[in-house]
PDB file of N, CA and C in Angstrom:
ATOM      1  N   MET A   1     -59.968   7.356 -81.461  1.00  0.00           N
ATOM      2  CA  MET A   1     -61.378   7.482 -81.169  1.00  0.00           C
ATOM      3  C   MET A   1     -61.582   7.625 -79.674  1.00  0.00           C
ATOM      4  N   ALA A   2     -62.530   8.426 -79.333  1.00  0.00           N
ATOM      5  CA  ALA A   2     -62.858   8.594 -77.920  1.00  0.00           C
ATOM      6  C   ALA A   2     -63.744   7.445 -77.470  1.00  0.00           C
ATOM      7  N   ARG A   3     -63.462   6.934 -76.293  1.00  0.00           N
ATOM      8  CA  ARG A   3     -64.275   5.838 -75.760  1.00  0.00           C
ATOM      9  C   ARG A   3     -65.278   6.416 -74.789  1.00  0.00           C
ATOM     10  N   ARG A   4     -66.445   5.869 -74.828  1.00  0.00           N
ATOM     11  CA  ARG A   4     -67.482   6.288 -73.882  1.00  0.00           C
ATOM     12  C   ARG A   4     -67.229   5.642 -72.540  1.00  0.00           C
ATOM     13  N   ALA A   5     -67.504   6.388 -71.531  1.00  0.00           N
ATOM     14  CA  ALA A   5     -67.382   5.817 -70.187  1.00  0.00           C
ATOM     15  C   ALA A   5     -68.522   4.832 -69.974  1.00  0.00           C
ATOM     16  N   ALA A   6     -68.187   3.722 -69.398  1.00  0.00           N
ATOM     17  CA  ALA A   6     -69.212   2.707 -69.134  1.00  0.00           C
ATOM     18  C   ALA A   6     -70.171   3.218 -68.072  1.00  0.00           C
ATOM     19  N   LYS A   7     -71.435   2.908 -68.267  1.00  0.00           N
ATOM     20  CA  LYS A   7     -72.433   3.292 -67.269  1.00  0.00           C
ATOM     21  C   LYS A   7     -72.248   2.450 -66.019  1.00  0.00           C
ATOM     22  N   PRO A   8     -72.357   3.064 -64.871  1.00  0.00           N
ATOM     23  CA  PRO A   8     -72.265   2.250 -63.655  1.00  0.00           C
ATOM     24  C   PRO A   8     -73.458   1.314 -63.573  1.00  0.00           C
ATOM     25  N   GLU A   9     -73.195   0.114 -63.116  1.00  0.00           N
ATOM     26  CA  GLU A   9     -74.257  -0.884 -62.987  1.00  0.00           C
ATOM     27  C   GLU A   9     -75.264  -0.446 -61.931  1.00  0.00           C
ATOM     28  N   GLN A  10     -76.529  -0.422 -62.320  1.00  0.00           N
ATOM     29  CA  GLN A  10     -77.566  -0.118 -61.350  1.00  0.00           C
ATOM     30  C   GLN A  10     -78.046  -1.423 -60.755  1.00  0.00           C
ATOM     31  N   GLN A  11     -78.068  -1.470 -59.443  1.00  0.00           N
ATOM     32  CA  GLN A  11     -78.517  -2.673 -58.778  1.00  0.00           C
ATOM     33  C   GLN A  11     -80.024  -2.615 -58.623  1.00  0.00           C
ATOM     34  N   LYS A  12     -80.632  -3.785 -58.629  1.00  0.00           N
ATOM     35  CA  LYS A  12     -82.058  -3.865 -58.365  1.00  0.00           C
ATOM     36  C   LYS A  12     -82.309  -3.390 -56.948  1.00  0.00           C
ATOM     37  N   PRO A  13     -83.356  -2.611 -56.764  1.00  0.00           N
ATOM     38  CA  PRO A  13     -83.645  -2.219 -55.386  1.00  0.00           C
ATOM     39  C   PRO A  13     -84.077  -3.436 -54.584  1.00  0.00           C
ATOM     40  N   GLU A  14     -83.490  -3.595 -53.406  1.00  0.00           N
ATOM     41  CA  GLU A  14     -83.853  -4.725 -52.559  1.00  0.00           C
ATOM     42  C   GLU A  14     -85.230  -4.518 -51.963  1.00  0.00           C
ATOM     43  N   SER A  15     -85.571  -3.257 -51.719  1.00  0.00           N
ATOM     44  CA  SER A  15     -86.913  -2.974 -51.228  1.00  0.00           C
ATOM     45  C   SER A  15     -87.381  -1.651 -51.803  1.00  0.00           C
ATOM     46  N   LEU A  16     -88.671  -1.533 -51.903  1.00  0.00           N
ATOM     47  CA  LEU A  16     -89.302  -0.304 -52.365  1.00  0.00           C
ATOM     48  C   LEU A  16     -89.905   0.352 -51.135  1.00  0.00           C
ATOM     49  N   ASN A  17     -89.504   1.570 -50.863  1.00  0.00           N
ATOM     50  CA  ASN A  17     -89.934   2.255 -49.649  1.00  0.00           C
ATOM     51  C   ASN A  17     -90.838   3.435 -49.992  1.00  0.00           C
ATOM     52  N   GLY A  18     -92.062   3.360 -49.531  1.00  0.00           N
ATOM     53  CA  GLY A  18     -93.004   4.456 -49.741  1.00  0.00           C
ATOM     54  C   GLY A  18     -93.878   4.250 -50.962  1.00  0.00           C
ATOM     55  N   TRP A  19     -95.015   4.925 -50.937  1.00  0.00           N
ATOM     56  CA  TRP A  19     -95.985   4.784 -52.021  1.00  0.00           C
ATOM     57  C   TRP A  19     -95.410   5.257 -53.351  1.00  0.00           C
ATOM     58  N   GLN A  20     -94.589   6.308 -53.333  1.00  0.00           N
ATOM     59  CA  GLN A  20     -94.034   6.845 -54.580  1.00  0.00           C
ATOM     60  C   GLN A  20     -93.144   5.816 -55.288  1.00  0.00           C
ATOM     61  N   GLN A  21     -92.258   5.163 -54.549  1.00  0.00           N
ATOM     62  CA  GLN A  21     -91.369   4.170 -55.159  1.00  0.00           C
ATOM     63  C   GLN A  21     -92.151   2.957 -55.659  1.00  0.00           C
ATOM     64  N   ILE A  22     -93.123   2.521 -54.871  1.00  0.00           N
ATOM     65  CA  ILE A  22     -93.928   1.358 -55.274  1.00  0.00           C
ATOM     66  C   ILE A  22     -94.719   1.697 -56.533  1.00  0.00           C
ATOM     67  N   ALA A  23     -95.325   2.880 -56.558  1.00  0.00           N
ATOM     68  CA  ALA A  23     -96.106   3.311 -57.720  1.00  0.00           C
ATOM     69  C   ALA A  23     -95.218   3.448 -58.955  1.00  0.00           C
ATOM     70  N   ALA A  24     -94.026   4.006 -58.787  1.00  0.00           N
ATOM     71  CA  ALA A  24     -93.104   4.157 -59.919  1.00  0.00           C
ATOM     72  C   ALA A  24     -92.691   2.786 -60.461  1.00  0.00           C
ATOM     73  N   PHE A  25     -92.432   1.841 -59.575  1.00  0.00           N
ATOM     74  CA  PHE A  25     -92.050   0.492 -59.997  1.00  0.00           C
ATOM     75  C   PHE A  25     -93.162  -0.156 -60.815  1.00  0.00           C
ATOM     76  N   LEU A  26     -94.413   0.011 -60.360  1.00  0.00           N
ATOM     77  CA  LEU A  26     -95.542  -0.613 -61.046  1.00  0.00           C
ATOM     78  C   LEU A  26     -96.049   0.209 -62.232  1.00  0.00           C
ATOM     79  N   GLY A  27     -95.616   1.463 -62.327  1.00  0.00           N
ATOM     80  CA  GLY A  27     -96.084   2.310 -63.423  1.00  0.00           C
ATOM     81  C   GLY A  27     -97.539   2.717 -63.261  1.00  0.00           C
ATOM     82  N   GLU A  28     -97.978   2.867 -62.044  1.00  0.00           N
ATOM     83  CA  GLU A  28     -99.362   3.229 -61.740  1.00  0.00           C
ATOM     84  C   GLU A  28     -99.379   4.436 -60.804  1.00  0.00           C
ATOM     85  N   PRO A  29    -100.488   5.172 -60.762  1.00  0.00           N
ATOM     86  CA  PRO A  29    -100.594   6.278 -59.815  1.00  0.00           C
ATOM     87  C   PRO A  29    -100.624   5.763 -58.370  1.00  0.00           C
ATOM     88  N   VAL A  30    -100.223   6.621 -57.451  1.00  0.00           N
ATOM     89  CA  VAL A  30    -100.199   6.254 -56.032  1.00  0.00           C
ATOM     90  C   VAL A  30    -101.581   5.802 -55.564  1.00  0.00           C
ATOM     91  N   SER A  31    -102.637   6.482 -56.023  1.00  0.00           N
ATOM     92  CA  SER A  31    -103.988   6.129 -55.570  1.00  0.00           C
ATOM     93  C   SER A  31    -104.352   4.693 -55.955  1.00  0.00           C
ATOM     94  N   VAL A  32    -103.931   4.249 -57.129  1.00  0.00           N
ATOM     95  CA  VAL A  32    -104.210   2.878 -57.569  1.00  0.00           C
ATOM     96  C   VAL A  32    -103.426   1.885 -56.706  1.00  0.00           C
ATOM     97  N   VAL A  33    -102.171   2.201 -56.456  1.00  0.00           N
ATOM     98  CA  VAL A  33    -101.328   1.312 -55.655  1.00  0.00           C
ATOM     99  C   VAL A  33    -101.879   1.197 -54.233  1.00  0.00           C
ATOM    100  N   GLN A  34    -102.352   2.295 -53.675  1.00  0.00           N
ATOM    101  CA  GLN A  34    -102.937   2.241 -52.331  1.00  0.00           C
ATOM    102  C   GLN A  34    -104.205   1.398 -52.319  1.00  0.00           C
ATOM    103  N   ARG A  35    -105.007   1.492 -53.360  1.00  0.00           N
ATOM    104  CA  ARG A  35    -106.219   0.662 -53.444  1.00  0.00           C
ATOM    105  C   ARG A  35    -105.846  -0.810 -53.548  1.00  0.00           C
ATOM    106  N   TRP A  36    -104.828  -1.120 -54.363  1.00  0.00           N
ATOM    107  CA  TRP A  36    -104.378  -2.507 -54.489  1.00  0.00           C
ATOM    108  C   TRP A  36    -103.872  -3.035 -53.153  1.00  0.00           C
ATOM    109  N   ALA A  37    -103.190  -2.189 -52.392  1.00  0.00           N
ATOM    110  CA  ALA A  37    -102.695  -2.609 -51.069  1.00  0.00           C
ATOM    111  C   ALA A  37    -103.866  -2.951 -50.163  1.00  0.00           C
ATOM    112  N   ASN A  38    -104.941  -2.189 -50.233  1.00  0.00           N
ATOM    113  CA  ASN A  38    -106.130  -2.489 -49.437  1.00  0.00           C
ATOM    114  C   ASN A  38    -106.797  -3.784 -49.893  1.00  0.00           C
ATOM    115  N   ASP A  39    -106.593  -4.144 -51.162  1.00  0.00           N
ATOM    116  CA  ASP A  39    -107.187  -5.365 -51.714  1.00  0.00           C
ATOM    117  C   ASP A  39    -106.271  -6.576 -51.599  1.00  0.00           C
ATOM    118  N   GLY A  40    -105.097  -6.422 -50.953  1.00  0.00           N
ATOM    119  CA  GLY A  40    -104.255  -7.592 -50.717  1.00  0.00           C
ATOM    120  C   GLY A  40    -102.863  -7.555 -51.309  1.00  0.00           C
ATOM    121  N   MET A  41    -102.484  -6.472 -51.972  1.00  0.00           N
ATOM    122  CA  MET A  41    -101.114  -6.391 -52.488  1.00  0.00           C
ATOM    123  C   MET A  41    -100.149  -6.432 -51.305  1.00  0.00           C
ATOM    124  N   PRO A  42     -99.062  -7.204 -51.401  1.00  0.00           N
ATOM    125  CA  PRO A  42     -98.168  -7.370 -50.246  1.00  0.00           C
ATOM    126  C   PRO A  42     -97.347  -6.112 -49.945  1.00  0.00           C
ATOM    127  N   VAL A  43     -97.689  -5.450 -48.860  1.00  0.00           N
ATOM    128  CA  VAL A  43     -96.900  -4.332 -48.336  1.00  0.00           C
ATOM    129  C   VAL A  43     -96.797  -4.499 -46.835  1.00  0.00           C
ATOM    130  N   ARG A  44     -95.709  -4.016 -46.291  1.00  0.00           N
ATOM    131  CA  ARG A  44     -95.531  -4.027 -44.842  1.00  0.00           C
ATOM    132  C   ARG A  44     -95.592  -2.596 -44.355  1.00  0.00           C
ATOM    133  N   ARG A  45     -96.387  -2.375 -43.345  1.00  0.00           N
ATOM    134  CA  ARG A  45     -96.489  -1.036 -42.768  1.00  0.00           C
ATOM    135  C   ARG A  45     -95.537  -0.937 -41.595  1.00  0.00           C
ATOM    136  N   GLN A  46     -94.679   0.056 -41.656  1.00  0.00           N
ATOM    137  CA  GLN A  46     -93.731   0.311 -40.575  1.00  0.00           C
ATOM    138  C   GLN A  46     -93.989   1.732 -40.092  1.00  0.00           C
ATOM    139  N   GLY A  47     -94.850   1.816 -39.101  1.00  0.00           N
ATOM    140  CA  GLY A  47     -95.288   3.137 -38.656  1.00  0.00           C
ATOM    141  C   GLY A  47     -96.149   3.759 -39.733  1.00  0.00           C
ATOM    142  N   ARG A  48     -95.761   4.916 -40.189  1.00  0.00           N
ATOM    143  CA  ARG A  48     -96.545   5.548 -41.259  1.00  0.00           C
ATOM    144  C   ARG A  48     -95.974   5.254 -42.642  1.00  0.00           C
ATOM    145  N   PHE A  49     -94.934   4.434 -42.709  1.00  0.00           N
ATOM    146  CA  PHE A  49     -94.294   4.096 -43.973  1.00  0.00           C
ATOM    147  C   PHE A  49     -94.712   2.705 -44.436  1.00  0.00           C
ATOM    148  N   VAL A  50     -94.609   2.474 -45.750  1.00  0.00           N
ATOM    149  CA  VAL A  50     -94.885   1.152 -46.309  1.00  0.00           C
ATOM    150  C   VAL A  50     -93.665   0.697 -47.101  1.00  0.00           C
ATOM    151  N   THR A  51     -93.424  -0.608 -47.095  1.00  0.00           N
ATOM    152  CA  THR A  51     -92.327  -1.182 -47.870  1.00  0.00           C
ATOM    153  C   THR A  51     -92.791  -2.485 -48.501  1.00  0.00           C
ATOM    154  N   THR A  52     -92.116  -2.866 -49.545  1.00  0.00           N
ATOM    155  CA  THR A  52     -92.306  -4.155 -50.196  1.00  0.00           C
ATOM    156  C   THR A  52     -91.078  -4.410 -51.048  1.00  0.00           C
ATOM    157  N   THR A  53     -91.021  -5.555 -51.712  1.00  0.00           N
ATOM    158  CA  THR A  53     -89.890  -5.842 -52.597  1.00  0.00           C
ATOM    159  C   THR A  53     -90.405  -6.082 -54.011  1.00  0.00           C
ATOM    160  N   PRO A  54     -89.564  -5.865 -55.009  1.00  0.00           N
ATOM    161  CA  PRO A  54     -89.975  -6.153 -56.386  1.00  0.00           C
ATOM    162  C   PRO A  54     -90.393  -7.614 -56.567  1.00  0.00           C
ATOM    163  N   GLU A  55     -89.694  -8.536 -55.891  1.00  0.00           N
ATOM    164  CA  GLU A  55     -90.034  -9.956 -56.024  1.00  0.00           C
ATOM    165  C   GLU A  55     -91.437 -10.242 -55.496  1.00  0.00           C
ATOM    166  N   GLU A  56     -91.782  -9.629 -54.354  1.00  0.00           N
ATOM    167  CA  GLU A  56     -93.126  -9.838 -53.796  1.00  0.00           C
ATOM    168  C   GLU A  56     -94.198  -9.295 -54.742  1.00  0.00           C
ATOM    169  N   LEU A  57     -93.937  -8.136 -55.332  1.00  0.00           N
ATOM    170  CA  LEU A  57     -94.912  -7.546 -56.250  1.00  0.00           C
ATOM    171  C   LEU A  57     -95.062  -8.395 -57.508  1.00  0.00           C
ATOM    172  N   ASN A  58     -93.959  -8.868 -58.073  1.00  0.00           N
ATOM    173  CA  ASN A  58     -94.049  -9.711 -59.263  1.00  0.00           C
ATOM    174  C   ASN A  58     -94.818 -10.998 -58.967  1.00  0.00           C
ATOM    175  N   SER A  59     -94.567 -11.593 -57.817  1.00  0.00           N
ATOM    176  CA  SER A  59     -95.275 -12.809 -57.422  1.00  0.00           C
ATOM    177  C   SER A  59     -96.767 -12.534 -57.263  1.00  0.00           C
ATOM    178  N   TRP A  60     -97.095 -11.437 -56.601  1.00  0.00           N
ATOM    179  CA  TRP A  60     -98.503 -11.080 -56.386  1.00  0.00           C
ATOM    180  C   TRP A  60     -99.210 -10.796 -57.711  1.00  0.00           C
ATOM    181  N   LEU A  61     -98.545 -10.086 -58.618  1.00  0.00           N
ATOM    182  CA  LEU A  61     -99.147  -9.799 -59.924  1.00  0.00           C
ATOM    183  C   LEU A  61     -99.419 -11.086 -60.695  1.00  0.00           C
ATOM    184  N   GLY A  62     -98.495 -12.052 -60.592  1.00  0.00           N
ATOM    185  CA  GLY A  62     -98.696 -13.334 -61.260  1.00  0.00           C
ATOM    186  C   GLY A  62     -99.879 -14.094 -60.704  1.00  0.00           C
ATOM    187  N   LYS A  63    -100.051 -14.050 -59.377  1.00  0.00           N
ATOM    188  CA  LYS A  63    -101.191 -14.731 -58.751  1.00  0.00           C
ATOM    189  C   LYS A  63    -102.499 -14.065 -59.128  1.00  0.00           C
ATOM    190  N   GLU A  64    -102.509 -12.740 -59.181  1.00  0.00           N
ATOM    191  CA  GLU A  64    -103.728 -12.003 -59.511  1.00  0.00           C
ATOM    192  C   GLU A  64    -104.167 -12.240 -60.953  1.00  0.00           C
ATOM    193  N   SER A  65    -103.207 -12.317 -61.867  1.00  0.00           N
ATOM    194  CA  SER A  65    -103.556 -12.463 -63.276  1.00  0.00           C
ATOM    195  C   SER A  65    -103.736 -13.919 -63.690  1.00  0.00           C
ATOM    196  N   GLY A  66    -103.162 -14.843 -62.909  1.00  0.00           N
ATOM    197  CA  GLY A  66    -103.223 -16.249 -63.282  1.00  0.00           C
ATOM    198  C   GLY A  66    -102.187 -16.620 -64.324  1.00  0.00           C
ATOM    199  N   LYS A  67    -101.365 -15.655 -64.716  1.00  0.00           N
ATOM    200  CA  LYS A  67    -100.315 -15.874 -65.699  1.00  0.00           C
ATOM    201  C   LYS A  67     -99.020 -15.313 -65.130  1.00  0.00           C
ATOM    202  N   PRO A  68     -97.870 -15.827 -65.583  1.00  0.00           N
ATOM    203  CA  PRO A  68     -96.613 -15.298 -65.053  1.00  0.00           C
ATOM    204  C   PRO A  68     -96.435 -13.843 -65.468  1.00  0.00           C
ATOM    205  N   VAL A  69     -96.102 -13.004 -64.522  1.00  0.00           N
ATOM    206  CA  VAL A  69     -95.942 -11.576 -64.769  1.00  0.00           C
ATOM    207  C   VAL A  69     -94.618 -11.129 -64.180  1.00  0.00           C
ATOM    208  N   HIS A  70     -93.962 -10.226 -64.880  1.00  0.00           N
ATOM    209  CA  HIS A  70     -92.736  -9.630 -64.363  1.00  0.00           C
ATOM    210  C   HIS A  70     -92.708  -8.188 -64.832  1.00  0.00           C
ATOM    211  N   VAL A  71     -92.540  -7.259 -63.919  1.00  0.00           N
ATOM    212  CA  VAL A  71     -92.453  -5.849 -64.275  1.00  0.00           C
ATOM    213  C   VAL A  71     -91.075  -5.600 -64.853  1.00  0.00           C
ATOM    214  N   ALA A  72     -91.027  -5.061 -66.065  1.00  0.00           N
ATOM    215  CA  ALA A  72     -89.749  -4.774 -66.715  1.00  0.00           C
ATOM    216  C   ALA A  72     -89.167  -3.488 -66.154  1.00  0.00           C
ATOM    217  N   THR A  73     -87.919  -3.546 -65.790  1.00  0.00           N
ATOM    218  CA  THR A  73     -87.203  -2.371 -65.312  1.00  0.00           C
ATOM    219  C   THR A  73     -86.048  -2.089 -66.263  1.00  0.00           C
ATOM    220  N   GLU A  74     -85.324  -1.012 -66.029  1.00  0.00           N
ATOM    221  CA  GLU A  74     -84.224  -0.649 -66.914  1.00  0.00           C
ATOM    222  C   GLU A  74     -83.163  -1.733 -67.010  1.00  0.00           C
ATOM    223  N   ASP A  75     -82.966  -2.478 -65.940  1.00  0.00           N
ATOM    224  CA  ASP A  75     -81.924  -3.498 -65.956  1.00  0.00           C
ATOM    225  C   ASP A  75     -82.468  -4.901 -66.206  1.00  0.00           C
ATOM    226  N   SER A  76     -83.727  -5.010 -66.631  1.00  0.00           N
ATOM    227  CA  SER A  76     -84.306  -6.322 -66.940  1.00  0.00           C
ATOM    228  C   SER A  76     -83.713  -6.857 -68.236  1.00  0.00           C
ATOM    229  N   ASP A  77     -83.548  -8.166 -68.311  1.00  0.00           N
ATOM    230  CA  ASP A  77     -83.105  -8.827 -69.523  1.00  0.00           C
ATOM    231  C   ASP A  77     -84.358  -9.102 -70.353  1.00  0.00           C
ATOM    232  N   LEU A  78     -84.658  -8.194 -71.286  1.00  0.00           N
ATOM    233  CA  LEU A  78     -85.901  -8.298 -72.044  1.00  0.00           C
ATOM    234  C   LEU A  78     -85.936  -9.518 -72.948  1.00  0.00           C
ATOM    235  N   ALA A  79     -84.785  -9.937 -73.455  1.00  0.00           N
ATOM    236  CA  ALA A  79     -84.755 -11.140 -74.291  1.00  0.00           C
ATOM    237  C   ALA A  79     -85.150 -12.360 -73.477  1.00  0.00           C
ATOM    238  N   ALA A  80     -84.651 -12.456 -72.258  1.00  0.00           N
ATOM    239  CA  ALA A  80     -85.002 -13.584 -71.396  1.00  0.00           C
ATOM    240  C   ALA A  80     -86.484 -13.532 -71.036  1.00  0.00           C
ATOM    241  N   GLU A  81     -87.008 -12.338 -70.788  1.00  0.00           N
ATOM    242  CA  GLU A  81     -88.428 -12.200 -70.458  1.00  0.00           C
ATOM    243  C   GLU A  81     -89.303 -12.590 -71.644  1.00  0.00           C
ATOM    244  N   LEU A  82     -88.887 -12.213 -72.850  1.00  0.00           N
ATOM    245  CA  LEU A  82     -89.634 -12.582 -74.048  1.00  0.00           C
ATOM    246  C   LEU A  82     -89.650 -14.099 -74.222  1.00  0.00           C
ATOM    247  N   LYS A  83     -88.503 -14.737 -74.028  1.00  0.00           N
ATOM    248  CA  LYS A  83     -88.430 -16.201 -74.128  1.00  0.00           C
ATOM    249  C   LYS A  83     -89.338 -16.863 -73.097  1.00  0.00           C
ATOM    250  N   ARG A  84     -89.341 -16.331 -71.878  1.00  0.00           N
ATOM    251  CA  ARG A  84     -90.183 -16.890 -70.815  1.00  0.00           C
ATOM    252  C   ARG A  84     -91.659 -16.745 -71.185  1.00  0.00           C
ATOM    253  N   GLY A  85     -92.037 -15.583 -71.711  1.00  0.00           N
ATOM    254  CA  GLY A  85     -93.424 -15.357 -72.105  1.00  0.00           C
ATOM    255  C   GLY A  85     -93.856 -16.256 -73.257  1.00  0.00           C
ATOM    256  N   LEU A  86     -92.989 -16.404 -74.252  1.00  0.00           N
ATOM    257  CA  LEU A  86     -93.308 -17.272 -75.385  1.00  0.00           C
ATOM    258  C   LEU A  86     -93.433 -18.724 -74.951  1.00  0.00           C
ATOM    259  N   SER A  87     -92.584 -19.143 -74.043  1.00  0.00           N
ATOM    260  CA  SER A  87     -92.651 -20.504 -73.531  1.00  0.00           C
ATOM    261  C   SER A  87     -93.995 -20.748 -72.851  1.00  0.00           C
ATOM    262  N   PHE A  88     -94.453 -19.774 -72.062  1.00  0.00           N
ATOM    263  CA  PHE A  88     -95.739 -19.910 -71.385  1.00  0.00           C
ATOM    264  C   PHE A  88     -96.871 -20.021 -72.402  1.00  0.00           C
ATOM    265  N   VAL A  89     -96.855 -19.163 -73.417  1.00  0.00           N
ATOM    266  CA  VAL A  89     -97.923 -19.165 -74.423  1.00  0.00           C
ATOM    267  C   VAL A  89     -97.937 -20.479 -75.183  1.00  0.00           C
ATOM    268  N   ARG A  90     -96.777 -20.991 -75.523  1.00  0.00           N
ATOM    269  CA  ARG A  90     -96.712 -22.262 -76.259  1.00  0.00           C
ATOM    270  C   ARG A  90     -97.249 -23.419 -75.436  1.00  0.00           C
ATOM    271  N   ARG A  91     -97.009 -23.388 -74.124  1.00  0.00           N
ATOM    272  CA  ARG A  91     -97.546 -24.454 -73.263  1.00  0.00           C
ATOM    273  C   ARG A  91     -99.063 -24.327 -73.137  1.00  0.00           C
ATOM    274  N   GLU A  92     -99.585 -23.116 -73.179  1.00  0.00           N
ATOM    275  CA  GLU A  92    -101.017 -22.895 -73.017  1.00  0.00           C
ATOM    276  C   GLU A  92    -101.817 -23.217 -74.284  1.00  0.00           C
ATOM    277  N   LYS A  93    -101.213 -23.054 -75.455  1.00  0.00           N
ATOM    278  CA  LYS A  93    -101.939 -23.264 -76.713  1.00  0.00           C
ATOM    279  C   LYS A  93    -102.533 -24.659 -76.853  1.00  0.00           C
ATOM    280  N   PRO A  94    -101.789 -25.746 -76.596  1.00  0.00           N
ATOM    281  CA  PRO A  94    -102.388 -27.077 -76.737  1.00  0.00           C
ATOM    282  C   PRO A  94    -103.605 -27.260 -75.817  1.00  0.00           C
ATOM    283  N   ALA A  95    -103.550 -26.762 -74.626  1.00  0.00           N
ATOM    284  CA  ALA A  95    -104.683 -26.879 -73.708  1.00  0.00           C
ATOM    285  C   ALA A  95    -105.877 -26.088 -74.234  1.00  0.00           C
ATOM    286  N   GLU A  96    -105.620 -24.941 -74.834  1.00  0.00           N
ATOM    287  CA  GLU A  96    -106.681 -24.106 -75.381  1.00  0.00           C
ATOM    288  C   GLU A  96    -107.351 -24.799 -76.561  1.00  0.00           C
ATOM    289  N   LYS A  97    -106.556 -25.435 -77.431  1.00  0.00           N
ATOM    290  CA  LYS A  97    -107.114 -26.141 -78.582  1.00  0.00           C
ATOM    291  C   LYS A  97    -107.984 -27.306 -78.138  1.00  0.00           C
ATOM    292  N   LYS A  98    -107.534 -28.032 -77.102  1.00  0.00           N
ATOM    293  CA  LYS A  98    -108.307 -29.166 -76.608  1.00  0.00           C
ATOM    294  C   LYS A  98    -109.660 -28.704 -76.073  1.00  0.00           C
ATOM    295  N   SER A  99    -109.668 -27.594 -75.344  1.00  0.00           N
ATOM    296  CA  SER A  99    -110.931 -27.127 -74.771  1.00  0.00           C
ATOM    297  C   SER A  99    -111.869 -26.631 -75.859  1.00  0.00           C
ATOM    298  N   ARG A 100    -111.345 -26.064 -76.948  1.00  0.00           N
ATOM    299  CA  ARG A 100    -112.193 -25.638 -78.059  1.00  0.00           C
ATOM    300  C   ARG A 100    -112.827 -26.851 -78.752  1.00  0.00           C
ATOM    301  N   LYS A 101    -112.028 -27.930 -78.901  1.00  0.00           N
ATOM    302  CA  LYS A 101    -112.567 -29.137 -79.543  1.00  0.00           C
ATOM    303  C   LYS A 101    -113.681 -29.717 -78.684  1.00  0.00           C
ATOM    304  N   ASP A 102    -113.516 -29.710 -77.363  1.00  0.00           N
ATOM    305  CA  ASP A 102    -114.534 -30.225 -76.456  1.00  0.00           C
ATOM    306  C   ASP A 102    -115.814 -29.417 -76.571  1.00  0.00           C
ATOM    307  N   LEU A 103    -115.704 -28.116 -76.742  1.00  0.00           N
ATOM    308  CA  LEU A 103    -116.895 -27.260 -76.838  1.00  0.00           C
ATOM    309  C   LEU A 103    -117.635 -27.469 -78.143  1.00  0.00           C
ATOM    310  N   ASN A 104    -116.919 -27.775 -79.217  1.00  0.00           N
ATOM    311  CA  ASN A 104    -117.535 -27.933 -80.527  1.00  0.00           C
ATOM    312  C   ASN A 104    -118.209 -29.296 -80.698  1.00  0.00           C
ATOM    313  N   HIS A 105    -117.850 -30.265 -79.897  1.00  0.00           N
ATOM    314  CA  HIS A 105    -118.448 -31.610 -80.053  1.00  0.00           C
ATOM    315  C   HIS A 105    -119.506 -31.857 -79.052  1.00  0.00           C
TER     316      HIS A 105
END
């Protein structure tokens, strides 16, 4: 049997350089990403260029939404992300039930 060549490991980008890379990482158009940057998204301007890191963007998205957020990439461990998300939801459910009981009484 012929063996398939293993895919080379893709490393996470340490930094995202330029509006195109940042927009591609977030899955949004450049115009939206530029508006978010004006509203406080963490980017560093180096002359006419902008840079940021995936970690900074994930942290900022989590703060903006009030819930833990992580942008899934090709090399993300989706099973681990699913477990993390389910854990968050399970912790939130008891608090949600308590607040509903308070509203009904």
